[in-house]
Amino acid sequence: MRDAWPAWLSVGRAGTTPEPPADLPVPAASGDAHLRLARESLRELLDDARVPADVRARLGEDYRQLQMLLDRLEHEQLHIAVFGRVSVGKSALLNALLGESRFSTSPLHGETTAAAAARWEAVGDLAGVRQICDGGVYLVDTPGINEVDGALRERLAVEVAGSADLVLFVCDGDLTETELAALRRLATGTRPIVLALNKTDRYTRAERDSLLAALERRSAGLVRPEHIVPTAAAPAERVVIRVAADGSERETRERPPAQVEDLRETLWAVLAAEGKTVAAVNAGLFAGHFADRLAREILGVRRELAEAVVRRYSLGKGVAVALNPIPLADLLAAVSDVAMVVHLGRVYGLPVSRSEAGGVLAAIVAQLALLLGTVFGVNLLASALKGVSLGLSTVVTAAAQGAIAYYGTYVVGRAAERYFAQGRSWGEGGPKRAVQEILDSLDRDSLLADAREDILARLKGRS
């Protein structure tokens, strides 16, 4: 077993979720300090050579996102993700902010099928913003959240918005239940949300004011009132009558300029005030969630290895007893059980001395004796001999005795494994509850039958 993983990757007591590193960024006065701590945390996760190769492979996509997040922090980039229903004008709004057509727009539903990003060069025009994002601000378009058969697109949109530093939520009227549910989901994070009411050129001033008031009520507690902004990314064409110098009139159709200045200033103000801190906190939260998942994966690997260790020691004990039967009362006190406990401690990165292992073993055996009482040997022997003709051979009866030893060692191993998996803790209820739950979870007859077959196979192989 390799060296133990960092303490924060260990599973907590009583099977609780592991705590993220203590140095993960939390809100404080300095955005630069936040970014430094966030970068250190991400690098530690990415560069930890003690993570098993198979775990790293299973979490390949998570590691890729982690690397992308670290790259963003190191290059001081900020991402604004646009989010909303199909055809509310998300792509058109981004194009209006950019001042050029970089994102595809179409009257067809679902034109945006994958996330796309473009650098917002104009952000440097506002004093104070350049200082907090030397690497630039990127606008990220996402698929609509209500496309027919678009579950994958909605998941992608949520993932992209969830990794952004700021979410621009676009609607074109009062919020639907679908939009409100999505807004609530996004608001569970720490990133700020700006709500843009697009296509306001369709409404009268009174209608627009009424809609803005409704949006403020429905988004209360989710979006700050000052972050609800009216926009018109692509106003409809209007008939314009132009009068020439000679008094003649000419009718033309013209499209008014986009109305996005208020939105641009709101986005810039949010970035200037919260950009670095939000980027760092979001990175820290992502690192914490990743650490939790990594710990669960590593715990799964350890449990698989621990199961193999327990079965190997159980089989060895069973074969030894079958060859040289010993009194049943001495089965659980065998030296091999102590060695197994020591081995399990190493699997979980919690090495113990043989003396300490003996103490763990004694606690387990004491609870077994209390729980099973004097019927322990009789019941196990009856189960081990079930379906066996005692007149066949001494090898068969020896295998039955060995199966009893196998069972006892297996229970001890499972109990010791739980003790180490919980960080050298028995959890609530102590060893008695742990042992009882293990006994309840086992199919005794099936386990004894399998053990007997394995032992017979070994005995025949020896002969």
Protein backbone atom coordinates (compact mmCIF):
# COMPACT_ATOMS: atom_id res chain seq x y z
CA MET A 1 0.00 0.00 0.00
CA ARG A 2 1.28 3.47 -0.82
CA ASP A 3 1.69 6.20 1.76
CA ALA A 4 -1.51 7.42 3.31
CA TRP A 5 -3.48 10.03 1.42
CA PRO A 6 -3.81 13.49 2.94
CA ALA A 7 -5.89 13.54 6.09
CA TRP A 8 -8.69 15.47 4.39
CA LEU A 9 -9.15 12.57 1.94
CA SER A 10 -9.88 10.15 4.77
CA VAL A 11 -13.47 9.21 5.56
CA GLY A 12 -14.69 10.77 8.76
CA ARG A 13 -16.12 9.07 11.78
CA ALA A 14 -19.26 7.01 11.49
CA GLY A 15 -19.03 7.08 7.70
CA THR A 16 -19.50 10.82 7.36
CA THR A 17 -18.45 12.70 4.23
CA PRO A 18 -14.80 13.79 4.37
CA GLU A 19 -14.14 17.43 5.07
CA PRO A 20 -12.46 19.50 2.34
CA PRO A 21 -9.03 21.02 3.06
CA ALA A 22 -9.03 23.62 5.77
CA ASP A 23 -7.23 26.03 3.46
CA LEU A 24 -9.96 26.09 0.83
CA PRO A 25 -10.83 29.71 0.08
CA VAL A 26 -13.63 31.35 2.01
CA PRO A 27 -14.97 34.87 1.68
CA ALA A 28 -12.53 37.43 3.07
CA ALA A 29 -11.32 40.92 2.32
CA SER A 30 -8.64 40.10 -0.24
CA GLY A 31 -9.53 38.71 -3.66
CA ASP A 32 -5.84 38.09 -4.37
CA ALA A 33 -5.55 35.94 -1.25
CA HIS A 34 -8.63 34.00 -2.34
CA LEU A 35 -7.13 33.29 -5.74
CA ARG A 36 -3.81 32.19 -4.26
CA LEU A 37 -5.46 29.75 -1.88
CA ALA A 38 -7.75 28.44 -4.61
CA ARG A 39 -4.82 27.84 -6.96
CA GLU A 40 -2.87 26.02 -4.25
CA SER A 41 -5.85 23.78 -3.47
CA LEU A 42 -6.41 22.89 -7.13
CA ARG A 43 -2.72 22.16 -7.72
CA GLU A 44 -2.62 19.91 -4.66
CA LEU A 45 -5.53 17.89 -6.00
CA LEU A 46 -4.12 17.68 -9.53
CA ASP A 47 -0.55 16.80 -8.55
CA ASP A 48 -1.22 14.26 -5.80
CA ALA A 49 0.78 11.26 -7.02
CA ARG A 50 -0.68 9.05 -4.28
CA VAL A 51 -4.04 8.77 -6.02
CA PRO A 52 -4.27 5.29 -7.61
CA ALA A 53 -4.09 5.24 -11.40
CA ASP A 54 -7.47 3.51 -11.77
CA VAL A 55 -9.16 6.14 -9.60
CA ARG A 56 -7.56 8.92 -11.64
CA ALA A 57 -8.79 7.23 -14.83
CA ARG A 58 -12.37 6.92 -13.53
CA LEU A 59 -12.37 10.60 -12.64
CA GLY A 60 -10.79 11.67 -15.92
CA GLU A 61 -13.49 14.21 -16.79
CA ASP A 62 -13.36 15.71 -13.29
CA TYR A 63 -9.59 16.06 -13.54
CA ARG A 64 -10.01 17.74 -16.94
CA GLN A 65 -12.43 20.28 -15.49
CA LEU A 66 -10.11 20.80 -12.53
CA GLN A 67 -7.21 21.57 -14.89
CA MET A 68 -9.36 23.96 -16.94
CA LEU A 69 -10.43 25.73 -13.76
CA LEU A 70 -6.81 26.07 -12.62
CA ASP A 71 -5.82 27.43 -16.04
CA ARG A 72 -8.57 30.05 -15.76
CA LEU A 73 -7.36 31.13 -12.33
CA GLU A 74 -3.71 31.25 -13.32
CA HIS A 75 -4.51 33.33 -16.41
CA GLU A 76 -6.97 35.47 -14.43
CA GLN A 77 -9.92 34.80 -16.70
CA LEU A 78 -13.55 35.31 -15.75
CA HIS A 79 -16.48 33.54 -17.40
CA ILE A 80 -20.03 34.82 -17.79
CA ALA A 81 -22.48 32.08 -18.81
CA VAL A 82 -25.78 33.00 -20.43
CA PHE A 83 -28.71 30.81 -19.43
CA GLY A 84 -32.37 30.64 -20.41
CA ARG A 85 -35.14 29.10 -22.48
CA VAL A 86 -34.91 28.42 -26.17
CA SER A 87 -35.42 31.55 -28.35
CA VAL A 88 -35.33 34.18 -25.62
CA GLY A 89 -32.45 35.78 -27.52
CA LYS A 90 -29.42 34.56 -25.56
CA SER A 91 -27.08 34.42 -28.55
CA ALA A 92 -28.35 37.74 -29.91
CA LEU A 93 -27.78 39.37 -26.54
CA LEU A 94 -24.19 38.14 -26.40
CA ASN A 95 -23.59 39.39 -29.93
CA ALA A 96 -24.95 42.80 -28.94
CA LEU A 97 -22.61 42.94 -25.93
CA LEU A 98 -19.67 41.94 -28.13
CA GLY A 99 -20.62 44.38 -30.85
CA GLU A 100 -20.25 41.70 -33.52
CA SER A 101 -21.91 38.45 -34.61
CA ARG A 102 -19.89 35.74 -32.90
CA PHE A 103 -22.73 33.46 -31.80
CA SER A 104 -25.19 31.76 -34.12
CA THR A 105 -28.77 33.05 -34.08
CA SER A 106 -31.72 31.46 -35.82
CA PRO A 107 -35.53 31.56 -35.75
CA LEU A 108 -35.39 27.78 -35.37
CA HIS A 109 -35.62 26.39 -31.84
CA GLY A 110 -32.51 24.85 -30.38
CA GLU A 111 -29.93 26.45 -32.69
CA THR A 112 -27.35 26.41 -29.88
CA THR A 113 -26.58 22.73 -29.26
CA ALA A 114 -23.28 23.03 -27.40
CA ALA A 115 -21.52 25.56 -25.21
CA ALA A 116 -19.54 28.22 -27.10
CA ALA A 117 -17.36 31.04 -25.77
CA ALA A 118 -15.94 34.34 -27.01
CA ARG A 119 -13.61 36.83 -25.38
CA TRP A 120 -15.27 40.12 -24.44
CA GLU A 121 -12.54 42.53 -25.47
CA ALA A 122 -14.55 45.66 -24.67
CA VAL A 123 -14.47 44.88 -20.97
CA GLY A 124 -11.15 46.68 -20.70
CA ASP A 125 -12.85 49.95 -21.51
CA LEU A 126 -14.25 50.25 -18.01
CA ALA A 127 -11.80 51.56 -15.42
CA GLY A 128 -11.07 49.03 -12.72
CA VAL A 129 -12.22 45.93 -14.60
CA ARG A 130 -8.94 45.30 -16.38
CA GLN A 131 -7.19 45.06 -13.02
CA ILE A 132 -9.27 42.10 -11.91
CA CYS A 133 -9.16 40.04 -15.11
CA ASP A 134 -5.90 40.48 -16.98
CA GLY A 135 -6.66 37.24 -18.82
CA GLY A 136 -9.94 38.60 -20.13
CA VAL A 137 -13.65 38.07 -19.67
CA TYR A 138 -15.34 35.34 -21.70
CA LEU A 139 -19.01 35.17 -22.64
CA VAL A 140 -20.32 31.59 -22.80
CA ASP A 141 -23.49 30.68 -24.71
CA THR A 142 -25.44 27.58 -23.62
CA PRO A 143 -28.26 25.47 -25.11
CA GLY A 144 -31.85 26.34 -24.19
CA ILE A 145 -33.21 24.65 -21.10
CA ASN A 146 -36.59 23.64 -22.52
CA GLU A 147 -35.75 22.09 -25.89
CA VAL A 148 -37.90 19.05 -26.73
CA ASP A 149 -35.95 15.86 -25.92
CA GLY A 150 -33.19 18.12 -24.70
CA ALA A 151 -32.37 16.62 -21.30
CA LEU A 152 -28.72 16.39 -22.31
CA ARG A 153 -28.69 20.01 -23.43
CA GLU A 154 -30.29 21.15 -20.20
CA ARG A 155 -27.71 19.22 -18.17
CA LEU A 156 -24.93 20.79 -20.23
CA ALA A 157 -26.38 24.25 -19.69
CA VAL A 158 -26.59 23.70 -15.94
CA GLU A 159 -23.01 22.37 -15.79
CA VAL A 160 -21.62 25.28 -17.77
CA ALA A 161 -23.53 27.86 -15.75
CA GLY A 162 -22.48 26.08 -12.57
CA SER A 163 -18.80 26.49 -13.42
CA ALA A 164 -19.10 30.14 -14.48
CA ASP A 165 -18.11 33.11 -12.32
CA LEU A 166 -21.31 34.99 -13.14
CA VAL A 167 -24.61 33.82 -14.64
CA LEU A 168 -26.58 35.99 -17.07
CA PHE A 169 -30.13 34.60 -16.95
CA VAL A 170 -32.21 35.79 -19.92
CA CYS A 171 -36.00 35.82 -20.19
CA ASP A 172 -38.40 37.61 -22.53
CA GLY A 173 -41.43 37.92 -20.26
CA ASP A 174 -42.69 36.81 -16.87
CA LEU A 175 -40.83 33.74 -15.58
CA THR A 176 -42.32 30.34 -16.45
CA GLU A 177 -42.22 27.50 -13.94
CA THR A 178 -39.38 25.94 -15.94
CA GLU A 179 -37.37 29.16 -15.76
CA LEU A 180 -38.10 29.70 -12.08
CA ALA A 181 -37.01 26.13 -11.23
CA ALA A 182 -33.77 26.63 -13.18
CA LEU A 183 -33.18 29.99 -11.50
CA ARG A 184 -33.62 28.42 -8.06
CA ARG A 185 -31.18 25.65 -8.95
CA LEU A 186 -28.56 28.16 -10.09
CA ALA A 187 -29.07 30.39 -7.07
CA THR A 188 -27.98 27.63 -4.67
CA GLY A 189 -24.36 28.49 -5.53
CA THR A 190 -22.29 31.51 -4.60
CA ARG A 191 -21.98 33.08 -8.06
CA PRO A 192 -23.98 36.29 -8.67
CA ILE A 193 -26.88 36.21 -11.12
CA VAL A 194 -27.93 39.04 -13.42
CA LEU A 195 -31.48 38.69 -14.78
CA ALA A 196 -32.00 40.29 -18.20
CA LEU A 197 -35.51 40.97 -19.50
CA ASN A 198 -34.89 40.82 -23.25
CA LYS A 199 -37.07 41.95 -26.17
CA THR A 200 -38.45 44.91 -24.22
CA ASP A 201 -39.04 46.72 -27.54
CA ARG A 202 -42.16 44.57 -27.86
CA TYR A 203 -43.75 46.19 -24.82
CA THR A 204 -45.05 49.61 -23.94
CA ARG A 205 -43.32 51.46 -21.13
CA ALA A 206 -46.14 50.55 -18.74
CA GLU A 207 -46.00 46.89 -19.73
CA ARG A 208 -42.23 46.84 -19.31
CA ASP A 209 -42.40 48.40 -15.85
CA SER A 210 -45.09 45.90 -14.86
CA LEU A 211 -42.95 42.98 -16.06
CA LEU A 212 -39.88 44.23 -14.21
CA ALA A 213 -41.92 44.50 -11.01
CA ALA A 214 -43.22 40.94 -11.51
CA LEU A 215 -39.71 39.64 -12.09
CA GLU A 216 -38.52 41.31 -8.92
CA ARG A 217 -41.28 39.64 -6.91
CA ARG A 218 -40.79 36.17 -8.41
CA SER A 219 -37.01 36.25 -8.10
CA ALA A 220 -36.96 37.65 -4.57
CA GLY A 221 -34.16 36.03 -2.61
CA LEU A 222 -32.60 34.69 -5.81
CA VAL A 223 -31.54 37.82 -7.70
CA ARG A 224 -30.77 41.26 -6.30
CA PRO A 225 -33.30 43.88 -7.50
CA GLU A 226 -30.51 46.05 -8.93
CA HIS A 227 -29.38 43.06 -11.03
CA ILE A 228 -32.67 42.88 -12.98
CA VAL A 229 -32.07 44.77 -16.22
CA PRO A 230 -34.28 45.48 -19.30
CA THR A 231 -32.61 44.88 -22.69
CA ALA A 232 -33.40 44.66 -26.37
CA ALA A 233 -30.67 42.70 -28.12
CA ALA A 234 -32.22 42.79 -31.62
CA PRO A 235 -35.09 45.28 -31.74
CA ALA A 236 -37.68 44.69 -34.44
CA GLU A 237 -37.50 46.74 -37.61
CA ARG A 238 -39.62 49.89 -37.71
CA VAL A 239 -41.05 51.94 -40.53
CA VAL A 240 -39.20 55.25 -40.79
CA ILE A 241 -40.39 58.11 -43.02
CA ARG A 242 -37.60 60.40 -44.16
CA VAL A 243 -38.33 63.85 -45.62
CA ALA A 244 -35.95 65.15 -48.28
CA ALA A 245 -34.98 68.82 -48.76
CA ASP A 246 -37.52 69.17 -51.54
CA GLY A 247 -40.26 67.98 -49.22
CA SER A 248 -40.59 64.53 -50.74
CA GLU A 249 -41.06 61.60 -48.37
CA ARG A 250 -39.42 58.19 -48.50
CA GLU A 251 -40.51 55.24 -46.39
CA THR A 252 -37.81 52.80 -45.19
CA ARG A 253 -37.57 49.94 -42.69
CA GLU A 254 -34.77 50.30 -40.17
CA ARG A 255 -33.67 48.31 -37.13
CA PRO A 256 -33.00 50.44 -34.04
CA PRO A 257 -29.66 49.88 -32.28
CA ALA A 258 -29.46 47.26 -29.54
CA GLN A 259 -30.32 48.46 -26.05
CA VAL A 260 -27.73 46.75 -23.86
CA GLU A 261 -25.84 49.62 -22.22
CA ASP A 262 -27.54 49.19 -18.84
CA LEU A 263 -26.78 45.46 -18.94
CA ARG A 264 -23.15 46.05 -19.93
CA GLU A 265 -22.61 48.47 -17.05
CA THR A 266 -24.32 46.10 -14.58
CA LEU A 267 -22.13 43.18 -15.64
CA TRP A 268 -18.99 45.26 -15.44
CA ALA A 269 -19.93 46.60 -12.02
CA VAL A 270 -20.53 43.08 -10.66
CA LEU A 271 -17.20 41.88 -12.07
CA ALA A 272 -15.32 44.86 -10.65
CA ALA A 273 -16.87 44.40 -7.20
CA GLU A 274 -16.92 40.62 -6.88
CA GLY A 275 -14.98 39.07 -9.75
CA LYS A 276 -11.87 37.75 -8.01
CA THR A 277 -13.62 36.67 -4.85
CA VAL A 278 -16.40 34.86 -6.71
CA ALA A 279 -13.93 33.09 -9.01
CA ALA A 280 -11.87 31.94 -6.04
CA VAL A 281 -14.84 30.82 -3.94
CA ASN A 282 -16.37 28.91 -6.85
CA ALA A 283 -13.03 27.22 -7.49
CA GLY A 284 -12.79 26.33 -3.81
CA LEU A 285 -16.29 24.84 -3.81
CA PHE A 286 -15.52 22.83 -6.93
CA ALA A 287 -12.32 21.60 -5.29
CA GLY A 288 -14.27 20.61 -2.17
CA HIS A 289 -16.86 18.65 -4.18
CA PHE A 290 -14.07 17.01 -6.17
CA ALA A 291 -12.24 16.08 -2.96
CA ASP A 292 -15.42 14.46 -1.64
CA ARG A 293 -15.83 12.39 -4.79
CA LEU A 294 -12.14 11.49 -4.86
CA ALA A 295 -12.34 10.35 -1.24
CA ARG A 296 -15.36 8.15 -2.06
CA GLU A 297 -13.53 6.60 -5.01
CA ILE A 298 -10.44 5.93 -2.92
CA LEU A 299 -12.63 4.48 -0.18
CA GLY A 300 -14.17 2.15 -2.76
CA VAL A 301 -10.71 0.98 -3.85
CA ARG A 302 -9.71 0.44 -0.24
CA ARG A 303 -12.87 -1.55 0.46
CA GLU A 304 -12.24 -3.80 -2.55
CA LEU A 305 -8.66 -4.37 -1.39
CA ALA A 306 -9.81 -4.92 2.20
CA GLU A 307 -12.36 -7.53 1.04
CA ALA A 308 -9.60 -9.39 -0.81
CA VAL A 309 -7.37 -9.26 2.28
CA VAL A 310 -10.14 -10.55 4.57
CA ARG A 311 -11.04 -13.43 2.25
CA ARG A 312 -7.40 -14.42 1.82
CA TYR A 313 -6.82 -14.57 5.58
CA SER A 314 -10.16 -16.33 6.09
CA LEU A 315 -9.29 -19.02 3.56
CA GLY A 316 -5.82 -19.46 5.02
CA LYS A 317 -7.30 -19.87 8.47
CA GLY A 318 -9.93 -22.30 7.21
CA VAL A 319 -7.40 -24.51 5.42
CA ALA A 320 -5.09 -24.51 8.46
CA VAL A 321 -7.92 -25.61 10.76
CA ALA A 322 -9.07 -28.26 8.30
CA LEU A 323 -5.56 -29.75 8.25
CA ASN A 324 -4.97 -29.37 11.97
CA PRO A 325 -8.29 -29.00 13.83
CA ILE A 326 -8.09 -27.01 17.05
CA PRO A 327 -10.68 -26.40 19.76
CA LEU A 328 -13.50 -24.17 18.51
CA ALA A 329 -13.09 -21.70 21.37
CA ASP A 330 -9.57 -20.88 20.19
CA LEU A 331 -10.46 -20.12 16.58
CA LEU A 332 -10.89 -16.37 16.86
CA ALA A 333 -7.77 -15.89 18.97
CA ALA A 334 -5.38 -17.17 16.32
CA VAL A 335 -2.28 -15.17 15.54
CA SER A 336 -3.32 -14.87 11.89
CA ASP A 337 -6.29 -12.72 12.90
CA VAL A 338 -3.94 -10.19 14.49
CA ALA A 339 -1.86 -10.12 11.31
CA MET A 340 -5.04 -9.51 9.31
CA VAL A 341 -5.99 -6.54 11.47
CA VAL A 342 -2.51 -5.08 11.02
CA HIS A 343 -2.80 -5.56 7.26
CA LEU A 344 -6.22 -3.86 7.14
CA GLY A 345 -4.83 -0.87 9.03
CA ARG A 346 -2.21 -0.44 6.32
CA VAL A 347 -4.85 -0.67 3.58
CA TYR A 348 -6.61 2.35 5.10
CA GLY A 349 -3.40 4.26 5.71
CA LEU A 350 -3.79 3.84 9.48
CA PRO A 351 -0.91 1.59 10.55
CA VAL A 352 -1.25 -0.11 13.93
CA SER A 353 1.16 -2.16 16.06
CA ARG A 354 0.47 -5.82 16.73
CA SER A 355 -0.43 -4.83 20.28
CA GLU A 356 -3.01 -2.30 19.06
CA ALA A 357 -4.33 -4.84 16.55
CA GLY A 358 -4.71 -7.31 19.40
CA GLY A 359 -6.84 -4.79 21.26
CA VAL A 360 -9.11 -4.29 18.24
CA LEU A 361 -9.37 -8.08 17.83
CA ALA A 362 -10.19 -8.56 21.51
CA ALA A 363 -13.02 -6.01 21.30
CA ILE A 364 -14.53 -7.81 18.30
CA VAL A 365 -14.22 -11.30 19.81
CA ALA A 366 -15.75 -10.11 23.09
CA GLN A 367 -18.79 -8.78 21.25
CA LEU A 368 -19.09 -11.99 19.22
CA ALA A 369 -19.11 -14.00 22.42
CA LEU A 370 -21.79 -11.77 23.93
CA LEU A 371 -23.96 -11.79 20.82
CA LEU A 372 -23.68 -15.46 19.94
CA GLY A 373 -23.35 -17.04 23.38
CA THR A 374 -22.84 -20.76 23.93
CA VAL A 375 -24.79 -21.74 20.81
CA PHE A 376 -22.07 -20.24 18.60
CA GLY A 377 -20.21 -23.49 17.93
CA VAL A 378 -23.28 -25.73 17.66
CA ASN A 379 -25.12 -23.51 15.19
CA LEU A 380 -22.10 -22.88 13.02
CA LEU A 381 -21.18 -26.56 12.94
CA ALA A 382 -24.73 -27.49 11.97
CA SER A 383 -24.67 -24.94 9.15
CA ALA A 384 -21.23 -25.98 7.98
CA LEU A 385 -22.28 -29.64 7.82
CA LYS A 386 -25.63 -28.94 6.15
CA GLY A 387 -26.05 -31.20 3.13
CA VAL A 388 -22.94 -33.20 3.99
CA SER A 389 -22.91 -36.90 4.77
CA LEU A 390 -20.69 -37.38 7.78
CA GLY A 391 -19.85 -40.87 6.62
CA LEU A 392 -18.15 -39.76 3.45
CA SER A 393 -14.67 -38.95 4.74
CA THR A 394 -12.75 -37.11 7.38
CA VAL A 395 -11.72 -34.62 4.68
CA VAL A 396 -15.34 -33.47 4.35
CA THR A 397 -15.81 -33.00 8.10
CA ALA A 398 -12.44 -31.28 8.34
CA ALA A 399 -13.58 -28.87 5.62
CA ALA A 400 -16.71 -28.16 7.67
CA GLN A 401 -14.58 -27.30 10.69
CA GLY A 402 -12.39 -25.16 8.49
CA ALA A 403 -15.49 -23.36 7.20
CA ILE A 404 -16.34 -22.39 10.77
CA ALA A 405 -12.87 -20.91 11.18
CA TYR A 406 -13.28 -19.12 7.84
CA TYR A 407 -16.58 -17.62 8.97
CA GLY A 408 -15.18 -16.39 12.28
CA THR A 409 -12.17 -14.76 10.67
CA TYR A 410 -14.36 -13.20 7.98
CA VAL A 411 -16.61 -11.57 10.60
CA VAL A 412 -13.54 -10.31 12.48
CA GLY A 413 -12.09 -8.90 9.25
CA ARG A 414 -15.29 -7.13 8.25
CA ALA A 415 -15.59 -5.57 11.71
CA ALA A 416 -11.95 -4.44 11.70
CA GLU A 417 -12.38 -3.05 8.19
CA ARG A 418 -15.33 -0.94 9.36
CA TYR A 419 -13.27 0.31 12.32
CA PHE A 420 -10.50 1.57 10.03
CA ALA A 421 -12.88 2.89 7.34
CA GLN A 422 -14.41 5.13 10.01
CA GLY A 423 -11.03 6.57 10.97
CA ARG A 424 -10.20 4.25 13.91
CA SER A 425 -13.69 4.66 15.31
CA TRP A 426 -16.50 2.22 16.04
CA GLY A 427 -19.07 4.96 15.54
CA GLU A 428 -22.34 5.20 17.42
CA GLY A 429 -23.13 2.09 19.41
CA GLY A 430 -19.51 1.00 19.70
CA PRO A 431 -18.13 -2.40 18.61
CA LYS A 432 -21.28 -4.24 19.71
CA ARG A 433 -23.47 -2.46 17.18
CA ALA A 434 -20.83 -2.77 14.45
CA VAL A 435 -20.48 -6.52 14.96
CA GLN A 436 -24.26 -7.01 15.17
CA GLU A 437 -24.84 -5.13 11.90
CA ILE A 438 -22.18 -7.23 10.17
CA LEU A 439 -23.71 -10.48 11.45
CA ASP A 440 -27.15 -9.31 10.30
CA SER A 441 -25.84 -8.45 6.85
CA LEU A 442 -24.25 -11.84 6.18
CA ASP A 443 -25.96 -14.87 4.69
CA ARG A 444 -24.35 -17.32 7.08
CA ASP A 445 -25.36 -20.54 5.33
CA SER A 446 -24.25 -19.30 1.93
CA LEU A 447 -20.94 -18.00 3.28
CA LEU A 448 -20.22 -21.29 5.07
CA ALA A 449 -21.11 -23.32 1.99
CA ASP A 450 -18.79 -21.24 -0.21
CA ALA A 451 -16.03 -21.44 2.39
CA ARG A 452 -16.38 -25.22 2.60
CA GLU A 453 -16.12 -25.57 -1.18
CA ASP A 454 -13.04 -23.34 -1.34
CA ILE A 455 -11.37 -25.25 1.47
CA LEU A 456 -12.18 -28.64 -0.11
CA ALA A 457 -10.68 -27.43 -3.37
CA ARG A 458 -7.50 -26.43 -1.56
CA LEU A 459 -7.32 -29.70 0.34
CA LYS A 460 -7.75 -31.72 -2.87
CA GLY A 461 -5.10 -29.59 -4.52
CA ARG A 462 -2.68 -30.38 -1.71
CA SER A 463 -3.39 -34.10 -1.93
